[in-house]
């Protein structure tokens, strides 16, 4: 399990600093690894794609029931979950990227929505407390 660590992030004007928890997420073909529990509030998501092919990552506040599928049956209907979307990394090859998101308590789902990737194991969840 990857534990969150702290990173000093510069605020507006560079004069104020605050520590943001880092949530490390690793994508590999066809697996996503991340902490099971993440702190509520602003967090820095650090995404590492260690697979040889491109992956994307969507983070949504969990909905009740199953995720809606597109007509192709292999991908999740992003239009239907737009209101729950918290963050999205576009598809990219092996690299490290980051973003800051605000998380409220609850369950979140992360997945790669490239054709067949979520169905092949690139879909998991975590709790925010």
N, C-alpha and C. Protein backbone atom coordinates (compact mmCIF):
# COMPACT_ATOMS: atom_id res chain seq x y z
N UNK A 1 0.84 -1.17 0.00
CA UNK A 1 0.00 0.00 0.00
C UNK A 1 0.89 1.23 0.00
N UNK A 2 0.53 2.23 -0.79
CA UNK A 2 1.29 3.46 -0.87
C UNK A 2 0.71 4.43 0.14
N UNK A 3 1.55 4.97 1.02
CA UNK A 3 1.09 5.89 2.05
C UNK A 3 1.21 7.32 1.56
N UNK A 4 0.24 8.19 1.92
CA UNK A 4 0.35 9.59 1.56
C UNK A 4 1.52 10.24 2.31
N UNK A 5 2.18 11.17 1.67
CA UNK A 5 3.23 11.95 2.30
C UNK A 5 2.90 13.42 2.12
N UNK A 6 3.65 14.30 2.75
CA UNK A 6 3.35 15.73 2.66
C UNK A 6 4.27 16.43 1.69
N UNK A 7 3.75 17.44 1.02
CA UNK A 7 4.49 18.25 0.08
C UNK A 7 4.12 19.70 0.34
N UNK A 8 5.09 20.58 0.37
CA UNK A 8 4.80 22.01 0.55
C UNK A 8 4.40 22.57 -0.81
N UNK A 9 3.26 23.20 -0.87
CA UNK A 9 2.78 23.78 -2.13
C UNK A 9 2.69 25.29 -1.95
N UNK A 10 3.16 26.02 -2.93
CA UNK A 10 3.14 27.48 -2.86
C UNK A 10 1.73 27.98 -3.09
N UNK A 11 1.34 28.96 -2.31
CA UNK A 11 0.03 29.58 -2.48
C UNK A 11 0.14 30.77 -3.41
N UNK A 12 -0.91 31.55 -3.53
CA UNK A 12 -0.91 32.73 -4.39
C UNK A 12 0.17 33.69 -3.94
N UNK A 13 0.90 34.26 -4.88
CA UNK A 13 1.92 35.24 -4.57
C UNK A 13 3.19 34.64 -4.02
N UNK A 14 3.22 33.34 -3.76
CA UNK A 14 4.41 32.68 -3.28
C UNK A 14 4.77 32.98 -1.84
N UNK A 15 3.92 33.70 -1.11
CA UNK A 15 4.27 34.05 0.26
C UNK A 15 3.67 33.11 1.28
N UNK A 16 2.58 32.44 0.95
CA UNK A 16 2.00 31.51 1.91
C UNK A 16 2.25 30.08 1.43
N UNK A 17 2.47 29.20 2.39
CA UNK A 17 2.71 27.80 2.07
C UNK A 17 1.76 26.96 2.90
N UNK A 18 1.32 25.87 2.33
CA UNK A 18 0.54 24.91 3.10
C UNK A 18 0.90 23.53 2.63
N UNK A 19 0.83 22.61 3.53
CA UNK A 19 1.19 21.24 3.19
C UNK A 19 -0.05 20.53 2.64
N UNK A 20 0.13 19.87 1.51
CA UNK A 20 -0.94 19.08 0.92
C UNK A 20 -0.55 17.62 1.01
N UNK A 21 -1.49 16.78 1.43
CA UNK A 21 -1.21 15.34 1.36
C UNK A 21 -1.05 14.92 -0.10
N UNK A 22 -0.14 14.02 -0.35
CA UNK A 22 0.06 13.47 -1.69
C UNK A 22 -0.57 12.09 -1.74
N UNK A 23 -1.37 11.86 -2.76
CA UNK A 23 -1.96 10.55 -3.00
C UNK A 23 -1.29 10.01 -4.26
N UNK A 24 -0.46 8.99 -4.09
CA UNK A 24 0.24 8.38 -5.21
C UNK A 24 -0.61 7.29 -5.83
N UNK A 25 -0.80 7.39 -7.14
CA UNK A 25 -1.55 6.39 -7.90
C UNK A 25 -0.63 5.88 -9.00
N UNK A 26 -0.54 4.56 -9.11
CA UNK A 26 0.29 3.94 -10.15
C UNK A 26 -0.59 3.12 -11.08
N UNK A 27 -0.44 3.37 -12.37
CA UNK A 27 -1.12 2.57 -13.39
C UNK A 27 -0.10 1.67 -14.06
N UNK A 28 -0.49 0.43 -14.22
CA UNK A 28 0.28 -0.55 -15.00
C UNK A 28 -0.75 -1.30 -15.83
N UNK A 29 -0.31 -1.99 -16.84
CA UNK A 29 -1.24 -2.80 -17.64
C UNK A 29 -1.63 -4.01 -16.83
N UNK A 30 -2.69 -4.27 -16.44
CA UNK A 30 -3.98 -3.64 -16.30
C UNK A 30 -4.33 -3.61 -14.83
N UNK A 31 -3.72 -2.68 -14.12
CA UNK A 31 -3.88 -2.58 -12.67
C UNK A 31 -3.68 -1.13 -12.25
N UNK A 32 -4.42 -0.73 -11.22
CA UNK A 32 -4.25 0.59 -10.60
C UNK A 32 -3.98 0.35 -9.12
N UNK A 33 -2.90 0.94 -8.60
CA UNK A 33 -2.56 0.83 -7.18
C UNK A 33 -2.65 2.21 -6.54
N UNK A 34 -3.29 2.28 -5.38
CA UNK A 34 -3.44 3.52 -4.64
C UNK A 34 -3.79 3.20 -3.20
N UNK A 35 -3.71 4.19 -2.30
CA UNK A 35 -4.08 3.95 -0.90
C UNK A 35 -5.57 3.60 -0.79
N UNK A 36 -5.92 2.84 0.22
CA UNK A 36 -7.32 2.48 0.46
C UNK A 36 -8.09 3.63 1.12
N UNK A 37 -7.38 4.45 1.91
CA UNK A 37 -8.00 5.57 2.61
C UNK A 37 -7.19 6.83 2.32
N UNK A 38 -7.90 7.91 2.01
CA UNK A 38 -7.29 9.18 1.64
C UNK A 38 -7.93 10.26 2.52
N UNK A 39 -7.15 11.28 2.94
CA UNK A 39 -7.73 12.33 3.78
C UNK A 39 -8.66 13.25 2.99
N UNK A 40 -9.67 13.77 3.67
CA UNK A 40 -10.59 14.73 3.06
C UNK A 40 -9.89 16.07 2.90
N UNK A 41 -10.37 16.87 1.95
CA UNK A 41 -9.82 18.20 1.70
C UNK A 41 -9.03 18.23 0.41
N UNK A 42 -8.19 19.24 0.29
CA UNK A 42 -7.34 19.36 -0.90
C UNK A 42 -6.20 18.35 -0.81
N UNK A 43 -5.99 17.61 -1.87
CA UNK A 43 -4.88 16.64 -1.95
C UNK A 43 -4.23 16.78 -3.32
N UNK A 44 -2.95 16.46 -3.38
CA UNK A 44 -2.23 16.43 -4.65
C UNK A 44 -2.21 14.98 -5.12
N UNK A 45 -2.83 14.72 -6.27
CA UNK A 45 -2.81 13.40 -6.88
C UNK A 45 -1.56 13.33 -7.77
N UNK A 46 -0.71 12.35 -7.52
CA UNK A 46 0.47 12.12 -8.36
C UNK A 46 0.25 10.79 -9.07
N UNK A 47 0.11 10.86 -10.38
CA UNK A 47 -0.19 9.69 -11.20
C UNK A 47 1.06 9.26 -11.95
N UNK A 48 1.42 7.99 -11.78
CA UNK A 48 2.56 7.42 -12.50
C UNK A 48 2.06 6.30 -13.40
N UNK A 49 2.26 6.45 -14.70
CA UNK A 49 1.94 5.39 -15.63
C UNK A 49 3.22 4.60 -15.85
N UNK A 50 3.27 3.39 -15.32
CA UNK A 50 4.44 2.53 -15.46
C UNK A 50 4.22 1.43 -16.49
N UNK A 51 3.13 1.56 -17.24
CA UNK A 51 2.86 0.57 -18.27
C UNK A 51 3.46 1.01 -19.60
N UNK A 52 3.61 0.11 -20.53
CA UNK A 52 4.19 0.48 -21.82
C UNK A 52 3.21 1.19 -22.76
N UNK A 53 1.92 1.19 -22.43
CA UNK A 53 0.92 1.82 -23.30
C UNK A 53 0.28 3.01 -22.59
N UNK A 54 -0.45 3.80 -23.35
CA UNK A 54 -1.14 4.96 -22.80
C UNK A 54 -2.30 4.55 -21.90
N UNK A 55 -2.48 5.34 -20.84
CA UNK A 55 -3.63 5.18 -19.94
C UNK A 55 -4.13 6.57 -19.58
N UNK A 56 -5.40 6.64 -19.25
CA UNK A 56 -5.98 7.85 -18.69
C UNK A 56 -6.45 7.51 -17.29
N UNK A 57 -6.92 8.48 -16.53
CA UNK A 57 -7.46 8.20 -15.21
C UNK A 57 -8.58 9.17 -14.91
N UNK A 58 -9.72 8.62 -14.53
CA UNK A 58 -10.85 9.42 -14.09
C UNK A 58 -11.09 9.13 -12.62
N UNK A 59 -11.42 10.17 -11.86
CA UNK A 59 -11.73 10.05 -10.44
C UNK A 59 -13.14 10.58 -10.27
N UNK A 60 -14.04 9.71 -9.77
CA UNK A 60 -15.42 10.14 -9.57
C UNK A 60 -15.87 9.83 -8.15
N UNK A 61 -16.76 10.68 -7.63
CA UNK A 61 -17.43 10.39 -6.37
C UNK A 61 -18.40 9.25 -6.69
N UNK A 62 -18.33 8.18 -5.93
CA UNK A 62 -19.07 6.95 -6.25
C UNK A 62 -20.57 7.20 -6.35
N UNK A 63 -21.16 6.53 -7.31
CA UNK A 63 -22.61 6.56 -7.50
C UNK A 63 -23.17 5.22 -7.02
N UNK A 64 -24.44 5.20 -6.72
CA UNK A 64 -25.08 3.95 -6.32
C UNK A 64 -25.30 3.08 -7.55
N UNK A 65 -25.08 1.81 -7.39
CA UNK A 65 -25.29 0.90 -8.50
C UNK A 65 -24.06 0.81 -9.38
N UNK A 66 -24.25 0.22 -10.54
CA UNK A 66 -23.15 0.00 -11.48
C UNK A 66 -22.87 1.26 -12.28
N UNK A 67 -21.64 1.36 -12.74
CA UNK A 67 -21.29 2.48 -13.61
C UNK A 67 -21.95 2.27 -14.97
N UNK A 68 -22.53 3.33 -15.54
CA UNK A 68 -23.21 3.19 -16.83
C UNK A 68 -22.21 2.95 -17.96
N UNK A 69 -22.52 2.01 -18.82
CA UNK A 69 -21.65 1.68 -19.96
C UNK A 69 -22.16 2.37 -21.22
N UNK A 70 -21.20 2.64 -22.11
CA UNK A 70 -21.57 3.13 -23.44
C UNK A 70 -22.11 1.96 -24.25
N UNK A 71 -22.60 2.25 -25.41
CA UNK A 71 -23.16 1.23 -26.30
C UNK A 71 -22.12 0.16 -26.64
N UNK A 72 -20.83 0.54 -26.68
CA UNK A 72 -19.79 -0.44 -27.03
C UNK A 72 -19.64 -1.54 -25.98
N UNK A 73 -20.16 -1.29 -24.76
CA UNK A 73 -20.09 -2.27 -23.69
C UNK A 73 -18.73 -2.38 -23.01
N UNK A 74 -17.72 -1.68 -23.53
CA UNK A 74 -16.37 -1.76 -22.99
C UNK A 74 -15.92 -0.53 -22.23
N UNK A 75 -16.60 0.58 -22.42
CA UNK A 75 -16.21 1.82 -21.76
C UNK A 75 -17.36 2.39 -20.97
N UNK A 76 -17.02 3.23 -20.00
CA UNK A 76 -18.01 3.85 -19.12
C UNK A 76 -18.51 5.13 -19.78
N UNK A 77 -19.79 5.39 -19.68
CA UNK A 77 -20.42 6.56 -20.28
C UNK A 77 -20.05 7.80 -19.45
N UNK A 78 -19.04 8.53 -19.91
CA UNK A 78 -18.55 9.68 -19.17
C UNK A 78 -19.58 10.80 -19.08
N UNK A 79 -20.44 10.94 -20.07
CA UNK A 79 -21.50 11.96 -20.00
C UNK A 79 -22.44 11.69 -18.83
N UNK A 80 -22.73 10.42 -18.58
CA UNK A 80 -23.67 10.04 -17.51
C UNK A 80 -23.09 10.25 -16.12
N UNK A 81 -21.77 10.32 -16.00
CA UNK A 81 -21.14 10.49 -14.67
C UNK A 81 -20.49 11.85 -14.51
N UNK A 82 -20.73 12.76 -15.44
CA UNK A 82 -20.07 14.07 -15.43
C UNK A 82 -20.25 14.81 -14.11
N UNK A 83 -21.41 14.71 -13.50
CA UNK A 83 -21.67 15.42 -12.24
C UNK A 83 -20.84 14.88 -11.08
N UNK A 84 -20.41 13.62 -11.14
CA UNK A 84 -19.61 13.01 -10.08
C UNK A 84 -18.10 13.15 -10.33
N UNK A 85 -17.70 13.65 -11.50
CA UNK A 85 -16.29 13.73 -11.86
C UNK A 85 -15.56 14.73 -10.98
N UNK A 86 -14.46 14.28 -10.37
CA UNK A 86 -13.64 15.11 -9.50
C UNK A 86 -12.35 15.51 -10.20
N UNK A 87 -11.79 14.62 -10.98
CA UNK A 87 -10.55 14.89 -11.69
C UNK A 87 -10.37 13.93 -12.84
N UNK A 88 -9.58 14.37 -13.84
CA UNK A 88 -9.39 13.55 -15.03
C UNK A 88 -8.01 13.83 -15.61
N UNK A 89 -7.24 12.78 -15.81
CA UNK A 89 -5.97 12.86 -16.52
C UNK A 89 -6.22 12.31 -17.92
N UNK A 90 -5.90 13.08 -18.94
CA UNK A 90 -6.03 12.62 -20.32
C UNK A 90 -5.07 11.46 -20.57
N UNK A 91 -5.33 10.71 -21.61
CA UNK A 91 -4.48 9.57 -21.97
C UNK A 91 -3.06 10.04 -22.26
N UNK A 92 -2.09 9.28 -21.71
CA UNK A 92 -0.67 9.57 -21.94
C UNK A 92 0.12 8.29 -21.73
N UNK A 93 1.25 8.21 -22.38
CA UNK A 93 2.14 7.07 -22.21
C UNK A 93 2.87 7.14 -20.88
N UNK A 94 3.88 6.30 -20.70
CA UNK A 94 4.63 6.27 -19.44
C UNK A 94 5.11 7.68 -19.06
N UNK A 95 4.71 8.12 -17.86
CA UNK A 95 5.04 9.46 -17.40
C UNK A 95 4.54 9.62 -15.96
N UNK A 96 4.86 10.78 -15.38
CA UNK A 96 4.34 11.16 -14.07
C UNK A 96 3.67 12.52 -14.23
N UNK A 97 2.43 12.61 -13.73
CA UNK A 97 1.66 13.85 -13.81
C UNK A 97 1.01 14.10 -12.47
N UNK A 98 0.56 15.32 -12.22
CA UNK A 98 -0.12 15.59 -10.95
C UNK A 98 -1.18 16.66 -11.12
N UNK A 99 -2.08 16.70 -10.15
CA UNK A 99 -3.13 17.73 -10.07
C UNK A 99 -3.59 17.82 -8.63
N UNK A 100 -4.18 18.95 -8.28
CA UNK A 100 -4.77 19.13 -6.96
C UNK A 100 -6.28 19.01 -7.11
N UNK A 101 -6.90 18.21 -6.24
CA UNK A 101 -8.35 18.05 -6.23
C UNK A 101 -8.86 18.23 -4.80
N UNK A 102 -10.13 18.54 -4.68
CA UNK A 102 -10.76 18.65 -3.37
C UNK A 102 -11.68 17.43 -3.19
N UNK A 103 -11.46 16.68 -2.12
CA UNK A 103 -12.23 15.47 -1.86
C UNK A 103 -13.06 15.64 -0.58
N UNK A 104 -14.33 15.31 -0.68
CA UNK A 104 -15.20 15.30 0.49
C UNK A 104 -15.33 13.85 0.96
N UNK A 105 -15.71 13.63 2.22
CA UNK A 105 -15.82 12.25 2.70
C UNK A 105 -16.76 11.41 1.84
N UNK A 106 -16.40 10.14 1.69
CA UNK A 106 -17.20 9.21 0.91
C UNK A 106 -16.32 8.25 0.14
N UNK A 107 -16.95 7.52 -0.76
CA UNK A 107 -16.25 6.53 -1.58
C UNK A 107 -16.04 7.10 -2.98
N UNK A 108 -14.86 6.85 -3.54
CA UNK A 108 -14.50 7.32 -4.86
C UNK A 108 -14.07 6.14 -5.72
N UNK A 109 -14.30 6.28 -7.01
CA UNK A 109 -13.90 5.25 -7.97
C UNK A 109 -12.89 5.88 -8.92
N UNK A 110 -11.82 5.13 -9.21
CA UNK A 110 -10.82 5.56 -10.19
C UNK A 110 -10.75 4.48 -11.28
N UNK A 111 -10.59 4.92 -12.53
CA UNK A 111 -10.53 3.95 -13.61
C UNK A 111 -9.90 4.56 -14.85
N UNK A 112 -9.38 3.68 -15.68
CA UNK A 112 -8.92 4.05 -17.01
C UNK A 112 -10.06 3.69 -17.96
N UNK A 113 -10.51 4.66 -18.75
CA UNK A 113 -11.67 4.44 -19.60
C UNK A 113 -11.30 4.18 -21.06
N UNK A 114 -10.07 3.81 -21.30
CA UNK A 114 -9.72 3.43 -22.67
C UNK A 114 -10.34 2.07 -22.96
N UNK A 115 -10.64 1.79 -24.19
CA UNK A 115 -11.39 0.60 -24.58
C UNK A 115 -10.93 -0.67 -23.89
N UNK A 116 -11.78 -1.20 -23.03
CA UNK A 116 -11.53 -2.47 -22.36
C UNK A 116 -10.64 -2.41 -21.13
N UNK A 117 -10.02 -1.27 -20.84
CA UNK A 117 -9.09 -1.20 -19.71
C UNK A 117 -9.78 -1.36 -18.36
N UNK A 118 -10.88 -0.65 -18.13
CA UNK A 118 -11.59 -0.80 -16.85
C UNK A 118 -12.09 -2.23 -16.68
N UNK A 119 -12.63 -2.81 -17.73
CA UNK A 119 -13.12 -4.18 -17.67
C UNK A 119 -12.00 -5.19 -17.46
N UNK A 120 -10.75 -4.80 -17.80
CA UNK A 120 -9.61 -5.70 -17.64
C UNK A 120 -8.88 -5.51 -16.31
N UNK A 121 -9.45 -4.71 -15.41
CA UNK A 121 -8.87 -4.57 -14.08
C UNK A 121 -8.43 -3.17 -13.69
N UNK A 122 -8.55 -2.22 -14.59
CA UNK A 122 -8.13 -0.85 -14.27
C UNK A 122 -9.29 -0.04 -13.73
N UNK A 123 -9.90 -0.56 -12.66
CA UNK A 123 -11.00 0.08 -11.97
C UNK A 123 -10.91 -0.33 -10.51
N UNK A 124 -10.85 0.66 -9.62
CA UNK A 124 -10.78 0.38 -8.19
C UNK A 124 -11.40 1.53 -7.44
N UNK A 125 -11.39 1.47 -6.12
CA UNK A 125 -12.00 2.54 -5.34
C UNK A 125 -11.17 2.82 -4.09
N UNK A 126 -11.49 3.94 -3.44
CA UNK A 126 -10.86 4.30 -2.17
C UNK A 126 -11.86 5.09 -1.34
N UNK A 127 -11.61 5.17 -0.05
CA UNK A 127 -12.46 5.91 0.89
C UNK A 127 -11.79 7.22 1.24
N UNK A 128 -12.58 8.26 1.39
CA UNK A 128 -12.09 9.55 1.87
C UNK A 128 -12.70 9.77 3.23
N UNK A 129 -11.82 10.05 4.21
CA UNK A 129 -12.28 10.31 5.58
C UNK A 129 -11.68 11.60 6.08
